[in-house]
């Protein structure tokens, strides 16, 4: 079972991106039995998904988790749903800023994550790391990549894929973010091999929001 994680290059004038810092740090520290591969994606609408798709085709992973930066947050955000719209507030790294365009032409309105969301939430909380379920991944490159990932892996049996947003290093220490990602990976892996063993008390834990 190969595990594939992706993070993004810096964007909007920043010199680093916490998503790639965390993903590459987990790759370097990984001691699991299965290989864990990490790929840095360009922060562009036209380039991110093709780069991730190429890695999926090359490594044929059973777990695919794309990771992005959510500035201004202090908790790890497990994304529930990707929507089929691009509405760029700022240009991407190629200068592109589409407005009200679909991610996938003639695709569905949205795609739900393939990760065991509530089990991951409970497990990351148990590790003492701030975490929440998010029902909006935005309308920028992160959401577009999430949507394309779910659309592109929808026909693959035995694959768990989804998206996680992480805070910057000032809001949450990098070590905590790395631990959270490890827990999410391990939970997805357990879900695949049937050893997760969660009950209704976990699956039905509330993680909703009022707005």
Protein backbone atom coordinates (compact mmCIF):
# COMPACT_ATOMS: atom_id res chain seq x y z
CA UNK A 1 0.00 0.00 0.00
CA UNK A 2 1.62 3.23 -1.15
CA UNK A 3 0.63 6.51 0.49
CA UNK A 4 0.79 9.73 -1.51
CA UNK A 5 0.77 13.18 0.07
CA UNK A 6 0.97 16.49 -1.73
CA UNK A 7 1.66 20.04 -0.60
CA UNK A 8 1.91 23.32 -2.46
CA UNK A 9 4.73 25.63 -3.41
CA UNK A 10 4.71 29.15 -1.90
CA UNK A 11 2.26 31.63 -3.42
CA UNK A 12 1.15 35.24 -3.16
CA UNK A 13 4.69 36.47 -2.46
CA UNK A 14 5.40 34.12 0.45
CA UNK A 15 8.77 32.40 0.76
CA UNK A 16 7.43 29.16 2.27
CA UNK A 17 4.24 27.14 2.35
CA UNK A 18 3.37 25.26 5.54
CA UNK A 19 1.58 22.54 3.58
CA UNK A 20 4.74 21.45 1.79
CA UNK A 21 6.85 21.93 4.91
CA UNK A 22 4.57 19.56 6.82
CA UNK A 23 4.23 17.00 4.04
CA UNK A 24 7.96 16.84 3.35
CA UNK A 25 8.71 16.63 7.08
CA UNK A 26 6.34 13.69 7.47
CA UNK A 27 7.91 11.99 4.46
CA UNK A 28 11.38 12.39 5.97
CA UNK A 29 10.26 11.07 9.37
CA UNK A 30 8.02 8.29 8.07
CA UNK A 31 8.76 4.88 9.56
CA UNK A 32 5.69 2.95 8.49
CA UNK A 33 5.77 -0.35 6.65
CA UNK A 34 4.27 1.16 3.50
CA UNK A 35 6.14 3.64 1.32
CA UNK A 36 5.07 7.26 1.67
CA UNK A 37 5.65 9.52 -1.31
CA UNK A 38 5.42 13.32 -1.23
CA UNK A 39 5.01 15.65 -4.19
CA UNK A 40 5.15 19.45 -4.26
CA UNK A 41 2.45 20.90 -6.51
CA UNK A 42 2.58 24.19 -8.37
CA UNK A 43 0.08 26.71 -7.03
CA UNK A 44 -1.63 27.08 -10.39
CA UNK A 45 -5.05 26.08 -11.62
CA UNK A 46 -3.62 24.50 -14.76
CA UNK A 47 -0.68 22.75 -13.13
CA UNK A 48 -1.66 21.39 -9.72
CA UNK A 49 -3.98 18.57 -10.71
CA UNK A 50 -1.88 17.34 -13.67
CA UNK A 51 1.13 17.07 -11.33
CA UNK A 52 -0.88 15.19 -8.72
CA UNK A 53 -2.50 12.97 -11.35
CA UNK A 54 0.92 12.06 -12.75
CA UNK A 55 2.06 11.00 -9.28
CA UNK A 56 -1.10 8.92 -8.81
CA UNK A 57 -0.51 7.18 -12.13
CA UNK A 58 3.15 6.58 -11.31
CA UNK A 59 2.80 5.27 -7.74
CA UNK A 60 -0.77 3.84 -7.77
CA UNK A 61 -1.36 4.82 -4.13
CA UNK A 62 -4.16 3.49 -1.93
CA UNK A 63 -4.21 6.67 0.17
CA UNK A 64 -4.01 10.12 -1.42
CA UNK A 65 -4.14 13.20 0.79
CA UNK A 66 -3.68 16.64 -0.71
CA UNK A 67 -2.65 19.29 1.80
CA UNK A 68 -2.97 23.04 1.50
CA UNK A 69 -2.38 26.17 3.55
CA UNK A 70 -5.26 27.91 5.30
CA UNK A 71 -3.83 31.21 6.48
CA UNK A 72 -5.42 32.85 9.48
CA UNK A 73 -6.51 29.58 11.06
CA UNK A 74 -5.11 27.88 14.14
CA UNK A 75 -6.54 24.38 13.69
CA UNK A 76 -6.03 21.58 11.21
CA UNK A 77 -9.08 21.48 8.94
CA UNK A 78 -10.37 18.21 7.56
CA UNK A 79 -12.22 19.18 4.41
CA UNK A 80 -15.63 17.59 3.94
CA UNK A 81 -16.56 18.73 0.44
CA UNK A 82 -15.09 20.22 -2.75
CA UNK A 83 -17.29 22.39 -4.94
CA UNK A 84 -17.19 22.61 -8.71
CA UNK A 85 -16.37 26.29 -9.02
CA UNK A 86 -13.28 28.47 -9.31
CA UNK A 87 -13.59 32.06 -8.12
CA UNK A 88 -10.06 33.38 -7.64
CA UNK A 89 -9.62 36.35 -5.31
CA UNK A 90 -5.96 36.63 -6.30
CA UNK A 91 -4.04 35.32 -9.33
CA UNK A 92 -2.30 31.99 -9.07
CA UNK A 93 1.45 31.67 -9.60
CA UNK A 94 0.94 31.74 -13.36
CA UNK A 95 -1.07 34.94 -13.20
CA UNK A 96 -4.40 33.22 -13.83
CA UNK A 97 -7.48 34.34 -11.90
CA UNK A 98 -10.61 32.61 -13.25
CA UNK A 99 -13.96 33.85 -11.97
CA UNK A 100 -17.06 31.67 -11.71
CA UNK A 101 -15.66 28.85 -13.84
CA UNK A 102 -16.16 25.13 -13.21
CA UNK A 103 -13.30 22.91 -12.10
CA UNK A 104 -14.72 20.05 -14.18
CA UNK A 105 -16.91 21.03 -17.12
CA UNK A 106 -20.26 19.24 -16.93
CA UNK A 107 -19.20 17.71 -13.62
CA UNK A 108 -21.34 17.42 -10.49
CA UNK A 109 -21.90 20.39 -8.20
CA UNK A 110 -19.68 18.91 -5.49
CA UNK A 111 -17.72 15.88 -4.29
CA UNK A 112 -17.46 14.56 -0.75
CA UNK A 113 -14.15 13.44 0.73
CA UNK A 114 -13.21 9.79 0.59
CA UNK A 115 -11.39 9.92 3.93
CA UNK A 116 -12.93 8.62 7.18
CA UNK A 117 -13.69 12.15 8.31
CA UNK A 118 -15.16 11.72 11.79
CA UNK A 119 -12.77 8.96 12.78
CA UNK A 120 -9.88 11.20 11.74
CA UNK A 121 -11.36 14.08 13.72
CA UNK A 122 -11.58 12.01 16.88
CA UNK A 123 -8.10 10.56 16.42
CA UNK A 124 -6.43 13.94 15.86
CA UNK A 125 -8.27 15.37 18.87
CA UNK A 126 -7.03 12.45 20.94
CA UNK A 127 -3.48 13.42 19.95
CA UNK A 128 -4.10 16.83 21.53
CA UNK A 129 -3.99 18.84 18.31
CA UNK A 130 -6.57 21.50 17.39
CA UNK A 131 -8.71 20.11 14.57
CA UNK A 132 -12.07 20.73 12.97
CA UNK A 133 -14.21 19.55 10.10
CA UNK A 134 -14.53 22.22 7.43
CA UNK A 135 -17.37 22.34 4.93
CA UNK A 136 -15.70 24.81 2.61
CA UNK A 137 -12.29 24.45 1.01
CA UNK A 138 -12.58 27.87 -0.61
CA UNK A 139 -12.69 28.60 -4.34
CA UNK A 140 -8.96 28.88 -5.05
CA UNK A 141 -6.33 26.34 -6.11
CA UNK A 142 -6.82 24.16 -3.01
CA UNK A 143 -10.49 23.55 -3.71
CA UNK A 144 -9.84 23.09 -7.43
CA UNK A 145 -7.21 20.44 -6.66
CA UNK A 146 -9.50 18.75 -4.13
CA UNK A 147 -12.36 18.67 -6.63
CA UNK A 148 -10.19 17.32 -9.44
CA UNK A 149 -8.72 14.71 -7.09
CA UNK A 150 -12.12 13.42 -6.04
CA UNK A 151 -13.39 13.43 -9.61
CA UNK A 152 -10.24 11.72 -10.86
CA UNK A 153 -10.22 8.97 -8.21
CA UNK A 154 -13.98 8.36 -8.04
CA UNK A 155 -13.72 5.18 -10.10
CA UNK A 156 -10.74 3.69 -8.27
CA UNK A 157 -11.69 0.83 -5.94
CA UNK A 158 -9.95 0.63 -2.59
CA UNK A 159 -8.59 4.18 -2.61
CA UNK A 160 -9.06 6.75 0.14
CA UNK A 161 -8.50 10.33 -0.98
CA UNK A 162 -9.26 13.77 0.37
CA UNK A 163 -7.95 17.16 1.38
CA UNK A 164 -6.59 18.68 4.58
CA UNK A 165 -5.93 22.36 5.24
CA UNK A 166 -3.20 23.26 7.72
CA UNK A 167 -2.34 26.52 9.52
CA UNK A 168 0.91 28.35 9.06
CA UNK A 169 3.80 27.67 11.40
CA UNK A 170 3.10 30.72 13.53
CA UNK A 171 -0.43 29.58 14.37
CA UNK A 172 0.40 25.92 14.98
CA UNK A 173 3.87 24.42 15.41
CA UNK A 174 5.07 22.41 12.44
CA UNK A 175 5.59 19.35 14.65
CA UNK A 176 1.91 19.39 15.63
CA UNK A 177 0.83 19.67 12.01
CA UNK A 178 3.07 16.75 11.06
CA UNK A 179 1.60 14.65 13.87
CA UNK A 180 -1.93 15.49 12.74
CA UNK A 181 -1.16 14.43 9.17
CA UNK A 182 0.38 11.20 10.40
CA UNK A 183 -2.78 10.45 12.36
CA UNK A 184 -4.98 11.15 9.33
CA UNK A 185 -2.81 8.86 7.20
CA UNK A 186 -2.92 6.08 9.79
CA UNK A 187 -6.69 6.40 10.15
CA UNK A 188 -7.19 6.14 6.39
CA UNK A 189 -4.86 3.16 6.28
CA UNK A 190 -6.80 1.46 9.08
CA UNK A 191 -10.06 2.14 7.27
CA UNK A 192 -8.71 0.42 4.18
CA UNK A 193 -7.48 -2.71 5.94
CA UNK A 194 -10.60 -3.05 8.08
CA UNK A 195 -8.90 -2.43 11.41
CA UNK A 196 -10.46 0.96 12.13
CA UNK A 197 -13.22 -0.51 14.28
CA UNK A 198 -15.09 2.72 14.95
CA UNK A 199 -18.55 2.72 16.50
CA UNK A 200 -21.54 4.99 16.15
CA UNK A 201 -20.19 7.18 18.95
CA UNK A 202 -17.31 8.15 16.67
CA UNK A 203 -19.00 8.18 13.29
CA UNK A 204 -21.87 10.36 14.53
CA UNK A 205 -19.86 12.84 16.59
CA UNK A 206 -21.01 16.38 15.84
CA UNK A 207 -18.65 18.54 13.82
CA UNK A 208 -21.08 20.94 12.20
CA UNK A 209 -21.07 24.72 12.12
CA UNK A 210 -23.80 27.34 12.38
CA UNK A 211 -22.48 29.40 9.49
